[in-house]
């Protein structure tokens, strides 16, 4: 009987400590509400854009930001895109085309596919998934096939731009976010 009481005390002590550790995010700042705003969104490798140069069909089409952070334009050198907003890249492409290729080019760029977000840990199919504006942690878990039976479902750790944040099921994600679904202890 004494051994049973001892084990019970140990289990109760662990239960009182571990819930805060369930997702490893107890001391992390909250993720906050992220809203994707194309005007301030910084492009990065994997983003796909629609490029239209009015009156010049050969320069129009779809372009993707390469691993080096550039886009390739036909007849023109690569243009730096990573770290720029769509408006900044539009101006950069316009300036590049004006430098001996097209007189007064009318350039339009639009994001058609964002780089993916990633979900790891206690989900059935961890990996990268296509980003859709407004996606939440819950919707990301659904894309990853749902939780495993051992998943801790109340709190998550999201890595964004090298910093870690505490998130819940309704937290909104951004491209390149990494969501970690931890294992529950009991």
N, C-alpha and C. Protein backbone atom coordinates (compact mmCIF):
# COMPACT_ATOMS: atom_id res chain seq x y z
N UNK A 1 0.82 -1.19 0.00
CA UNK A 1 0.00 0.00 0.00
C UNK A 1 0.87 1.26 0.00
N UNK A 2 1.95 1.23 0.74
CA UNK A 2 2.84 2.38 0.83
C UNK A 2 3.48 2.68 -0.54
N UNK A 3 3.85 1.63 -1.31
CA UNK A 3 4.44 1.82 -2.64
C UNK A 3 3.42 2.45 -3.59
N UNK A 4 2.15 2.05 -3.45
CA UNK A 4 1.10 2.63 -4.29
C UNK A 4 0.93 4.12 -4.01
N UNK A 5 0.91 4.51 -2.75
CA UNK A 5 0.76 5.91 -2.37
C UNK A 5 1.97 6.71 -2.85
N UNK A 6 3.16 6.13 -2.73
CA UNK A 6 4.37 6.81 -3.21
C UNK A 6 4.27 7.08 -4.72
N UNK A 7 3.88 6.07 -5.50
CA UNK A 7 3.73 6.24 -6.96
C UNK A 7 2.67 7.29 -7.29
N UNK A 8 1.58 7.27 -6.53
CA UNK A 8 0.51 8.24 -6.75
C UNK A 8 1.01 9.66 -6.50
N UNK A 9 1.78 9.88 -5.46
CA UNK A 9 2.33 11.19 -5.15
C UNK A 9 3.27 11.64 -6.27
N UNK A 10 4.11 10.74 -6.77
CA UNK A 10 5.03 11.07 -7.86
C UNK A 10 4.25 11.45 -9.12
N UNK A 11 3.24 10.69 -9.46
CA UNK A 11 2.43 10.98 -10.65
C UNK A 11 1.73 12.33 -10.49
N UNK A 12 1.15 12.59 -9.34
CA UNK A 12 0.48 13.88 -9.13
C UNK A 12 1.46 15.04 -9.20
N UNK A 13 2.65 14.86 -8.71
CA UNK A 13 3.66 15.91 -8.80
C UNK A 13 4.03 16.17 -10.26
N UNK A 14 4.18 15.11 -11.03
CA UNK A 14 4.50 15.27 -12.45
C UNK A 14 3.36 15.95 -13.20
N UNK A 15 2.14 15.56 -12.91
CA UNK A 15 0.99 16.13 -13.59
C UNK A 15 0.90 17.63 -13.31
N UNK A 16 1.26 18.06 -12.11
CA UNK A 16 1.18 19.48 -11.80
C UNK A 16 2.28 20.28 -12.50
N UNK A 17 3.37 19.64 -12.89
CA UNK A 17 4.48 20.33 -13.54
C UNK A 17 4.38 20.26 -15.05
N UNK A 18 3.98 19.13 -15.59
CA UNK A 18 4.08 18.90 -17.03
C UNK A 18 3.09 19.64 -17.91
N UNK A 19 1.88 19.97 -17.51
CA UNK A 19 0.99 20.66 -18.45
C UNK A 19 1.59 21.94 -19.01
N UNK A 20 2.33 22.67 -18.23
CA UNK A 20 2.96 23.89 -18.75
C UNK A 20 4.06 23.56 -19.74
N UNK A 21 4.56 22.33 -19.68
CA UNK A 21 5.65 21.93 -20.57
C UNK A 21 5.13 21.19 -21.78
N UNK A 22 3.84 20.98 -21.88
CA UNK A 22 3.28 20.14 -22.95
C UNK A 22 3.76 20.51 -24.33
N UNK A 23 3.80 21.77 -24.69
CA UNK A 23 4.24 22.18 -26.01
C UNK A 23 5.59 22.86 -25.95
N UNK A 24 6.18 22.90 -24.79
CA UNK A 24 7.48 23.55 -24.69
C UNK A 24 7.42 25.06 -24.87
N UNK A 25 6.21 25.62 -24.87
CA UNK A 25 6.08 27.04 -25.15
C UNK A 25 5.63 27.86 -23.97
N UNK A 26 5.73 27.30 -22.75
CA UNK A 26 5.25 28.00 -21.58
C UNK A 26 5.85 29.37 -21.37
N UNK A 27 7.13 29.55 -21.67
CA UNK A 27 7.79 30.84 -21.42
C UNK A 27 7.94 31.69 -22.68
N UNK A 28 7.39 31.24 -23.78
CA UNK A 28 7.53 31.98 -25.04
C UNK A 28 6.47 33.06 -25.14
N UNK A 29 6.77 34.14 -25.89
CA UNK A 29 5.76 35.17 -26.11
C UNK A 29 4.66 34.64 -27.04
N UNK A 30 3.44 35.16 -26.91
CA UNK A 30 2.37 34.71 -27.79
C UNK A 30 2.62 35.15 -29.23
N UNK A 31 2.12 34.35 -30.16
CA UNK A 31 2.31 34.64 -31.58
C UNK A 31 1.61 35.92 -32.00
N UNK A 32 0.48 36.18 -31.44
CA UNK A 32 -0.26 37.38 -31.83
C UNK A 32 -1.06 37.10 -33.09
N UNK A 33 -1.77 38.10 -33.56
CA UNK A 33 -2.59 37.91 -34.75
C UNK A 33 -1.83 38.40 -35.97
N UNK A 34 -1.47 37.48 -36.81
CA UNK A 34 -0.74 37.80 -38.04
C UNK A 34 -1.74 37.95 -39.17
N UNK A 35 -1.60 39.00 -39.92
CA UNK A 35 -2.43 39.21 -41.09
C UNK A 35 -1.50 39.42 -42.26
N UNK A 36 -1.67 38.63 -43.29
CA UNK A 36 -0.81 38.76 -44.46
C UNK A 36 -1.27 39.97 -45.26
N UNK A 37 -0.38 40.89 -45.44
CA UNK A 37 -0.63 42.11 -46.17
C UNK A 37 0.34 42.14 -47.35
N UNK A 38 -0.18 41.98 -48.56
CA UNK A 38 0.70 41.94 -49.74
C UNK A 38 1.56 43.19 -49.87
N UNK A 39 1.10 44.32 -49.35
CA UNK A 39 1.86 45.55 -49.48
C UNK A 39 3.14 45.51 -48.64
N UNK A 40 3.13 44.79 -47.51
CA UNK A 40 4.32 44.74 -46.66
C UNK A 40 5.01 43.37 -46.70
N UNK A 41 4.43 42.41 -47.39
CA UNK A 41 4.99 41.06 -47.47
C UNK A 41 6.33 41.07 -48.19
N UNK A 42 7.33 40.49 -47.56
CA UNK A 42 8.67 40.41 -48.16
C UNK A 42 8.79 39.11 -48.93
N UNK A 43 9.14 39.22 -50.19
CA UNK A 43 9.29 38.05 -51.05
C UNK A 43 10.49 37.21 -50.63
N UNK A 44 10.42 35.92 -50.95
CA UNK A 44 11.51 35.01 -50.63
C UNK A 44 11.50 33.84 -51.59
N UNK A 45 12.56 33.02 -51.55
CA UNK A 45 12.64 31.86 -52.43
C UNK A 45 11.41 30.96 -52.31
N UNK A 46 10.85 30.61 -53.45
CA UNK A 46 9.65 29.78 -53.49
C UNK A 46 8.39 30.55 -53.84
N UNK A 47 8.39 31.86 -53.69
CA UNK A 47 7.22 32.65 -54.09
C UNK A 47 7.14 32.67 -55.61
N UNK A 48 5.92 32.53 -56.13
CA UNK A 48 5.71 32.57 -57.58
C UNK A 48 4.89 33.80 -57.92
N UNK A 49 5.31 34.51 -58.97
CA UNK A 49 4.69 35.78 -59.34
C UNK A 49 4.21 35.76 -60.78
N UNK A 50 3.19 36.53 -61.04
CA UNK A 50 2.75 36.79 -62.41
C UNK A 50 3.35 38.13 -62.80
N UNK A 51 4.11 38.14 -63.89
CA UNK A 51 4.75 39.36 -64.38
C UNK A 51 4.11 39.73 -65.70
N UNK A 52 3.61 40.95 -65.78
CA UNK A 52 3.05 41.47 -67.04
C UNK A 52 3.78 42.75 -67.38
N UNK A 53 4.37 42.76 -68.56
CA UNK A 53 4.96 43.98 -69.12
C UNK A 53 4.05 44.32 -70.30
N UNK A 54 3.22 45.34 -70.13
CA UNK A 54 2.23 45.67 -71.13
C UNK A 54 2.88 45.99 -72.47
N UNK A 55 2.37 45.32 -73.51
CA UNK A 55 2.86 45.55 -74.86
C UNK A 55 4.09 44.72 -75.21
N UNK A 56 4.62 43.93 -74.28
CA UNK A 56 5.80 43.09 -74.54
C UNK A 56 5.51 41.69 -74.02
N UNK A 57 4.86 40.87 -74.85
CA UNK A 57 4.46 39.52 -74.43
C UNK A 57 5.65 38.64 -74.08
N UNK A 58 6.78 38.84 -74.74
CA UNK A 58 7.95 37.99 -74.50
C UNK A 58 8.53 38.18 -73.09
N UNK A 59 8.25 39.28 -72.47
CA UNK A 59 8.76 39.53 -71.11
C UNK A 59 7.71 39.22 -70.04
N UNK A 60 6.52 38.86 -70.46
CA UNK A 60 5.44 38.57 -69.52
C UNK A 60 5.37 37.07 -69.25
N UNK A 61 4.87 36.71 -68.09
CA UNK A 61 4.69 35.30 -67.73
C UNK A 61 4.82 35.10 -66.23
N UNK A 62 4.97 33.83 -65.85
CA UNK A 62 5.15 33.50 -64.45
C UNK A 62 6.63 33.39 -64.13
N UNK A 63 7.03 33.94 -63.00
CA UNK A 63 8.41 33.85 -62.53
C UNK A 63 8.39 33.40 -61.08
N UNK A 64 9.43 32.66 -60.70
CA UNK A 64 9.54 32.19 -59.33
C UNK A 64 10.83 32.73 -58.73
N UNK A 65 10.75 33.10 -57.47
CA UNK A 65 11.94 33.57 -56.78
C UNK A 65 12.82 32.35 -56.52
N UNK A 66 14.01 32.36 -57.10
CA UNK A 66 14.94 31.23 -57.01
C UNK A 66 15.59 31.17 -55.63
N UNK A 67 16.30 30.08 -55.38
CA UNK A 67 16.98 29.88 -54.10
C UNK A 67 17.96 31.01 -53.79
N UNK A 68 18.54 31.62 -54.83
CA UNK A 68 19.47 32.74 -54.63
C UNK A 68 18.75 34.03 -54.31
N UNK A 69 17.39 34.03 -54.40
CA UNK A 69 16.62 35.23 -54.09
C UNK A 69 16.41 36.14 -55.29
N UNK A 70 16.56 35.60 -56.50
CA UNK A 70 16.40 36.41 -57.71
C UNK A 70 15.29 35.85 -58.58
N UNK A 71 14.82 36.68 -59.51
CA UNK A 71 13.93 36.20 -60.57
C UNK A 71 14.66 36.37 -61.89
N UNK A 72 14.39 35.47 -62.81
CA UNK A 72 15.03 35.53 -64.11
C UNK A 72 14.07 36.16 -65.11
N UNK A 73 14.55 37.20 -65.79
CA UNK A 73 13.76 37.85 -66.82
C UNK A 73 14.36 37.51 -68.18
N UNK A 74 13.53 37.15 -69.15
CA UNK A 74 14.06 36.88 -70.49
C UNK A 74 14.78 38.13 -71.04
N UNK A 75 15.91 37.92 -71.67
CA UNK A 75 16.73 38.97 -72.29
C UNK A 75 17.41 39.90 -71.29
N UNK A 76 17.15 39.70 -70.00
CA UNK A 76 17.67 40.60 -68.98
C UNK A 76 18.36 39.74 -67.91
N UNK A 77 19.32 40.32 -67.21
CA UNK A 77 19.95 39.61 -66.10
C UNK A 77 18.94 39.30 -65.01
N UNK A 78 19.37 38.48 -64.05
CA UNK A 78 18.53 38.20 -62.89
C UNK A 78 18.33 39.48 -62.08
N UNK A 79 17.16 39.58 -61.48
CA UNK A 79 16.82 40.74 -60.68
C UNK A 79 16.59 40.28 -59.25
N UNK A 80 17.22 40.95 -58.28
CA UNK A 80 17.07 40.60 -56.87
C UNK A 80 15.61 40.79 -56.46
N UNK A 81 15.05 39.76 -55.79
CA UNK A 81 13.66 39.83 -55.35
C UNK A 81 13.50 39.57 -53.86
N UNK A 82 14.33 38.70 -53.29
CA UNK A 82 14.19 38.33 -51.87
C UNK A 82 14.37 39.54 -50.98
N UNK A 83 13.46 39.67 -50.03
CA UNK A 83 13.52 40.78 -49.09
C UNK A 83 12.81 42.03 -49.57
N UNK A 84 12.32 42.02 -50.81
CA UNK A 84 11.60 43.17 -51.36
C UNK A 84 10.10 42.93 -51.29
N UNK A 85 9.34 44.00 -51.23
CA UNK A 85 7.89 43.90 -51.37
C UNK A 85 7.58 43.81 -52.86
N UNK A 86 6.33 43.50 -53.18
CA UNK A 86 5.92 43.43 -54.59
C UNK A 86 6.11 44.79 -55.26
N UNK A 87 5.76 45.87 -54.56
CA UNK A 87 5.92 47.21 -55.14
C UNK A 87 7.39 47.54 -55.39
N UNK A 88 8.26 47.18 -54.43
CA UNK A 88 9.69 47.44 -54.61
C UNK A 88 10.26 46.63 -55.78
N UNK A 89 9.84 45.38 -55.91
CA UNK A 89 10.30 44.56 -57.03
C UNK A 89 9.77 45.09 -58.35
N UNK A 90 8.53 45.55 -58.37
CA UNK A 90 7.96 46.14 -59.59
C UNK A 90 8.81 47.31 -60.06
N UNK A 91 9.19 48.17 -59.13
CA UNK A 91 10.04 49.33 -59.48
C UNK A 91 11.42 48.88 -59.95
N UNK A 92 11.97 47.86 -59.32
CA UNK A 92 13.28 47.35 -59.71
C UNK A 92 13.25 46.75 -61.12
N UNK A 93 12.20 45.98 -61.42
CA UNK A 93 12.05 45.41 -62.77
C UNK A 93 11.86 46.53 -63.79
N UNK A 94 11.07 47.51 -63.44
CA UNK A 94 10.84 48.65 -64.34
C UNK A 94 12.15 49.37 -64.64
N UNK A 95 12.95 49.64 -63.60
CA UNK A 95 14.23 50.33 -63.79
C UNK A 95 15.18 49.49 -64.66
N UNK A 96 15.20 48.18 -64.43
CA UNK A 96 16.06 47.28 -65.20
C UNK A 96 15.65 47.29 -66.67
N UNK A 97 14.36 47.25 -66.94
CA UNK A 97 13.88 47.25 -68.32
C UNK A 97 14.13 48.59 -69.01
N UNK A 98 14.07 49.67 -68.25
CA UNK A 98 14.31 50.99 -68.82
C UNK A 98 15.78 51.19 -69.21
N UNK A 99 16.67 50.39 -68.64
CA UNK A 99 18.10 50.52 -68.91
C UNK A 99 18.46 49.85 -70.24
N UNK A 100 17.79 50.24 -71.31
CA UNK A 100 18.17 49.79 -72.64
C UNK A 100 17.31 48.72 -73.26
N UNK A 101 16.23 48.30 -72.61
CA UNK A 101 15.41 47.23 -73.17
C UNK A 101 14.05 47.72 -73.65
N UNK A 102 13.34 48.44 -72.80
CA UNK A 102 11.98 48.90 -73.13
C UNK A 102 11.86 50.34 -72.68
N UNK A 103 11.31 51.17 -73.56
CA UNK A 103 11.09 52.56 -73.21
C UNK A 103 9.79 52.66 -72.42
N UNK A 104 9.87 53.28 -71.25
CA UNK A 104 8.73 53.51 -70.36
C UNK A 104 7.87 52.25 -70.17
N UNK A 105 8.45 51.17 -69.59
CA UNK A 105 7.67 49.93 -69.41
C UNK A 105 6.59 50.07 -68.34
N UNK A 106 5.46 49.49 -68.64
CA UNK A 106 4.36 49.40 -67.67
C UNK A 106 4.39 47.98 -67.11
N UNK A 107 4.81 47.87 -65.85
CA UNK A 107 5.04 46.56 -65.24
C UNK A 107 4.02 46.32 -64.13
N UNK A 108 3.47 45.11 -64.13
CA UNK A 108 2.58 44.68 -63.06
C UNK A 108 3.08 43.33 -62.55
N UNK A 109 3.24 43.23 -61.24
CA UNK A 109 3.61 41.98 -60.58
C UNK A 109 2.54 41.63 -59.56
N UNK A 110 2.22 40.35 -59.48
CA UNK A 110 1.21 39.90 -58.53
C UNK A 110 1.63 38.52 -58.00
N UNK A 111 1.48 38.31 -56.71
CA UNK A 111 1.80 37.00 -56.13
C UNK A 111 0.71 36.02 -56.50
N UNK A 112 1.11 34.88 -57.09
CA UNK A 112 0.13 33.85 -57.42
C UNK A 112 0.29 32.61 -56.55
N UNK A 113 1.48 32.45 -55.93
CA UNK A 113 1.69 31.33 -55.01
C UNK A 113 2.75 31.75 -53.99
N UNK A 114 2.37 31.62 -52.72
CA UNK A 114 3.29 31.95 -51.64
C UNK A 114 4.18 30.74 -51.34
N UNK A 115 5.33 31.01 -50.71
CA UNK A 115 6.18 29.89 -50.29
C UNK A 115 5.44 29.12 -49.20
N UNK A 116 5.80 27.86 -48.98
CA UNK A 116 5.03 27.02 -48.05
C UNK A 116 5.28 27.35 -46.59
N UNK A 117 4.42 26.78 -45.74
CA UNK A 117 4.66 26.74 -44.30
C UNK A 117 4.96 25.28 -43.97
N UNK A 118 5.49 25.03 -42.78
CA UNK A 118 5.90 23.68 -42.42
C UNK A 118 5.26 23.29 -41.10
N UNK A 119 4.91 22.01 -40.98
CA UNK A 119 4.33 21.51 -39.75
C UNK A 119 5.04 20.20 -39.39
N UNK A 120 5.54 20.16 -38.16
CA UNK A 120 6.37 19.05 -37.70
C UNK A 120 5.81 18.47 -36.42
N UNK A 121 6.28 17.30 -36.06
CA UNK A 121 5.93 16.70 -34.78
C UNK A 121 4.80 15.71 -34.87
N UNK A 122 3.89 15.79 -33.93
CA UNK A 122 2.84 14.79 -33.76
C UNK A 122 1.63 15.02 -34.68
N UNK A 123 1.92 15.01 -35.99
CA UNK A 123 0.88 15.00 -37.01
C UNK A 123 1.14 13.80 -37.90
N UNK A 124 0.13 13.35 -38.61
CA UNK A 124 0.27 12.11 -39.39
C UNK A 124 1.25 12.25 -40.55
N UNK A 125 1.29 13.42 -41.21
CA UNK A 125 2.19 13.61 -42.34
C UNK A 125 2.92 14.94 -42.20
N UNK A 126 3.99 14.97 -41.40
CA UNK A 126 4.74 16.23 -41.24
C UNK A 126 5.38 16.63 -42.56
N UNK A 127 5.57 17.94 -42.75
CA UNK A 127 6.23 18.42 -43.97
C UNK A 127 5.80 19.82 -44.32
N UNK A 128 6.10 20.21 -45.57
CA UNK A 128 5.75 21.53 -46.06
C UNK A 128 4.42 21.48 -46.80
N UNK A 129 3.64 22.54 -46.65
CA UNK A 129 2.33 22.62 -47.27
C UNK A 129 2.12 23.99 -47.89
N UNK A 130 1.34 24.05 -48.98
CA UNK A 130 1.11 25.34 -49.64
C UNK A 130 0.42 26.33 -48.69
N UNK A 131 0.93 27.54 -48.69
CA UNK A 131 0.34 28.58 -47.86
C UNK A 131 -0.90 29.15 -48.55
N UNK A 132 -1.93 29.36 -47.76
CA UNK A 132 -3.15 30.02 -48.23
C UNK A 132 -3.43 31.14 -47.24
N UNK A 133 -3.63 32.38 -47.70
CA UNK A 133 -3.89 33.48 -46.75
C UNK A 133 -5.03 33.14 -45.79
N UNK A 134 -4.79 33.42 -44.51
CA UNK A 134 -5.80 33.18 -43.48
C UNK A 134 -5.71 31.80 -42.84
N UNK A 135 -4.77 30.98 -43.24
CA UNK A 135 -4.68 29.63 -42.68
C UNK A 135 -4.29 29.69 -41.20
N UNK A 136 -4.91 28.83 -40.41
CA UNK A 136 -4.65 28.76 -38.97
C UNK A 136 -3.89 27.47 -38.66
N UNK A 137 -3.44 27.35 -37.42
CA UNK A 137 -2.76 26.13 -36.98
C UNK A 137 -3.67 24.93 -37.19
N UNK A 138 -4.94 25.05 -36.82
CA UNK A 138 -5.88 23.93 -36.97
C UNK A 138 -5.99 23.49 -38.43
N UNK A 139 -6.12 24.43 -39.34
CA UNK A 139 -6.22 24.08 -40.76
C UNK A 139 -4.92 23.47 -41.26
N UNK A 140 -3.79 23.93 -40.73
CA UNK A 140 -2.51 23.34 -41.09
C UNK A 140 -2.41 21.90 -40.63
N UNK A 141 -2.91 21.62 -39.43
CA UNK A 141 -2.92 20.25 -38.92
C UNK A 141 -3.80 19.36 -39.79
N UNK A 142 -4.94 19.89 -40.24
CA UNK A 142 -5.81 19.12 -41.13
C UNK A 142 -5.07 18.77 -42.43
N UNK A 143 -4.36 19.74 -43.00
CA UNK A 143 -3.58 19.47 -44.21
C UNK A 143 -2.54 18.38 -43.97
N UNK A 144 -2.00 18.33 -42.76
CA UNK A 144 -0.97 17.35 -42.42
C UNK A 144 -1.57 16.01 -41.98
N UNK A 145 -2.85 15.80 -42.23
CA UNK A 145 -3.48 14.51 -41.95
C UNK A 145 -4.06 14.36 -40.56
N UNK A 146 -4.02 15.41 -39.78
CA UNK A 146 -4.56 15.35 -38.42
C UNK A 146 -3.50 15.01 -37.40
N UNK A 147 -3.93 14.99 -36.14
CA UNK A 147 -3.03 14.70 -35.03
C UNK A 147 -2.75 13.20 -34.93
N UNK A 148 -1.61 12.85 -34.35
CA UNK A 148 -1.38 11.48 -33.92
C UNK A 148 -2.05 11.33 -32.56
N UNK A 149 -2.23 10.11 -32.07
CA UNK A 149 -2.86 9.94 -30.76
C UNK A 149 -2.07 10.57 -29.61
N UNK A 150 -0.79 10.81 -29.79
CA UNK A 150 0.05 11.36 -28.71
C UNK A 150 0.16 12.88 -28.75
N UNK A 151 -0.51 13.55 -29.65
CA UNK A 151 -0.33 14.99 -29.85
C UNK A 151 -0.87 15.81 -28.68
N UNK A 152 -0.12 16.84 -28.33
CA UNK A 152 -0.56 17.85 -27.37
C UNK A 152 -1.28 18.91 -28.19
N UNK A 153 -2.59 19.09 -27.97
CA UNK A 153 -3.42 19.89 -28.87
C UNK A 153 -3.77 21.28 -28.36
N UNK A 154 -3.26 21.67 -27.22
CA UNK A 154 -3.68 22.93 -26.62
C UNK A 154 -2.76 24.10 -26.92
N UNK A 155 -1.50 23.82 -27.16
CA UNK A 155 -0.52 24.89 -27.37
C UNK A 155 0.56 24.39 -28.32
N UNK A 156 1.07 25.29 -29.15
CA UNK A 156 2.06 24.92 -30.16
C UNK A 156 3.20 25.92 -30.13
N UNK A 157 4.31 25.53 -30.70
CA UNK A 157 5.44 26.44 -30.85
C UNK A 157 5.57 26.73 -32.34
N UNK A 158 5.55 28.01 -32.69
CA UNK A 158 5.70 28.43 -34.08
C UNK A 158 7.01 29.21 -34.19
N UNK A 159 7.84 28.80 -35.13
CA UNK A 159 9.08 29.51 -35.40
C UNK A 159 8.83 30.41 -36.61
N UNK A 160 9.07 31.70 -36.41
CA UNK A 160 8.84 32.69 -37.48
C UNK A 160 10.05 33.63 -37.49
N UNK A 161 10.73 33.66 -38.63
CA UNK A 161 11.87 34.55 -38.77
C UNK A 161 12.96 34.29 -37.74
N UNK A 162 13.14 33.04 -37.34
CA UNK A 162 14.17 32.69 -36.39
C UNK A 162 13.77 32.82 -34.93
N UNK A 163 12.61 33.40 -34.64
CA UNK A 163 12.14 33.55 -33.27
C UNK A 163 11.02 32.55 -33.00
N UNK A 164 10.93 32.08 -31.76
CA UNK A 164 9.89 31.12 -31.38
C UNK A 164 8.78 31.83 -30.62
N UNK A 165 7.54 31.39 -30.91
CA UNK A 165 6.37 31.98 -30.28
C UNK A 165 5.43 30.88 -29.83
N UNK A 166 4.63 31.19 -28.81
CA UNK A 166 3.58 30.30 -28.34
C UNK A 166 2.33 30.57 -29.19
N UNK A 167 1.67 29.50 -29.62
CA UNK A 167 0.48 29.66 -30.46
C UNK A 167 -0.62 28.72 -29.98
N UNK A 168 -1.85 29.03 -30.35
CA UNK A 168 -2.96 28.12 -30.08
C UNK A 168 -3.57 27.68 -31.41
N UNK A 169 -4.66 26.93 -31.36
CA UNK A 169 -5.25 26.37 -32.57
C UNK A 169 -5.75 27.42 -33.54
N UNK A 170 -6.12 28.60 -33.06
CA UNK A 170 -6.67 29.64 -33.93
C UNK A 170 -5.62 30.63 -34.41
N UNK A 171 -4.37 30.45 -34.03
CA UNK A 171 -3.31 31.37 -34.46
C UNK A 171 -3.13 31.31 -35.98
N UNK A 172 -3.00 32.47 -36.58
CA UNK A 172 -2.82 32.55 -38.03
C UNK A 172 -1.35 32.35 -38.38
N UNK A 173 -1.13 31.65 -39.48
CA UNK A 173 0.23 31.35 -39.94
C UNK A 173 0.61 32.26 -41.10
N UNK A 174 1.90 32.33 -41.37
CA UNK A 174 2.45 33.06 -42.51
C UNK A 174 3.37 32.13 -43.29
N UNK A 175 3.69 32.47 -44.54
CA UNK A 175 4.64 31.65 -45.29
C UNK A 175 5.95 31.51 -44.53
N UNK A 176 6.58 30.37 -44.62
CA UNK A 176 7.85 30.04 -43.97
C UNK A 176 7.72 29.75 -42.48
N UNK A 177 6.51 29.86 -41.89
CA UNK A 177 6.34 29.49 -40.49
C UNK A 177 6.60 28.00 -40.32
N UNK A 178 7.15 27.64 -39.18
CA UNK A 178 7.34 26.23 -38.82
C UNK A 178 6.55 25.98 -37.54
N UNK A 179 5.54 25.11 -37.65
CA UNK A 179 4.68 24.77 -36.52
C UNK A 179 5.17 23.45 -35.94
N UNK A 180 5.37 23.41 -34.64
CA UNK A 180 5.76 22.17 -33.99
C UNK A 180 4.63 21.70 -33.08
N UNK A 181 4.11 20.50 -33.36
CA UNK A 181 3.08 19.88 -32.54
C UNK A 181 3.80 18.89 -31.64
N UNK A 182 3.89 19.22 -30.36
CA UNK A 182 4.63 18.38 -29.41
C UNK A 182 3.82 17.18 -28.96
N UNK A 183 4.53 16.25 -28.33
CA UNK A 183 3.93 15.06 -27.76
C UNK A 183 3.42 15.39 -26.36
N UNK A 184 2.24 14.86 -26.04
CA UNK A 184 1.75 15.06 -24.67
C UNK A 184 2.37 14.00 -23.77
N UNK A 185 2.44 14.31 -22.50
CA UNK A 185 3.06 13.40 -21.55
C UNK A 185 2.08 12.40 -20.95
N UNK A 186 0.82 12.80 -20.83
CA UNK A 186 -0.19 11.88 -20.26
C UNK A 186 -1.43 11.93 -21.07
